[in-house]
């Protein structure tokens, strides 16, 4: 990996990890409501601690000087037009697809659809940010979304939120934490 690729691969790391952490916690909180109180509380505490760790690592990283030779830009955003195009397509697919699924009489598949779309958008992000690990993240979350559809096809409803929602949330949190792993382990 050359210097330009290394710089591009860590650019926006903190913000990306924070986005993954916040959405991961939201996935866990929204989709764990059917679980028993103690189990749900435990999952929320774990998710909350993971987000707190992501925020602490982000703020620590903001205060440290860059070691990759690049200067931190106060005004420059790592998120260009390609990123915003992907987010716009994702938003249309999320809301349009969720509405269509509900109108077809399957509102319980909303979270499976959300996980599927969130997962697939990471494949495009992997290309524009040159982050191979986003392919792995995309594959995991996409499979968790598809698993929700399979669960419904087998005649079950309750496990969809756990599989497509809670597990996707913890996957996002784990990848948010992984963003701060030493670079040798991140770039392999």
Foldseek 3Di string as FASTA:
>chain_A
DDLVLVCLLLACLLVLLLVLLVLLLVLLLVLCVPPDPVVSVVLNVVSVVLNVVSNVLSVVVVPDADPSPDHDDPPDHSQDPLNVVLVVVLVCQLVVVCVVCVVVPHNLLSLLSNLLSVLVSLVSVCVVSVFPVSPVLSVQSNVLSVVLVVCVVVPDRSCNSVRNRNVNSVSSSVVSVVSSDPPVVRVD
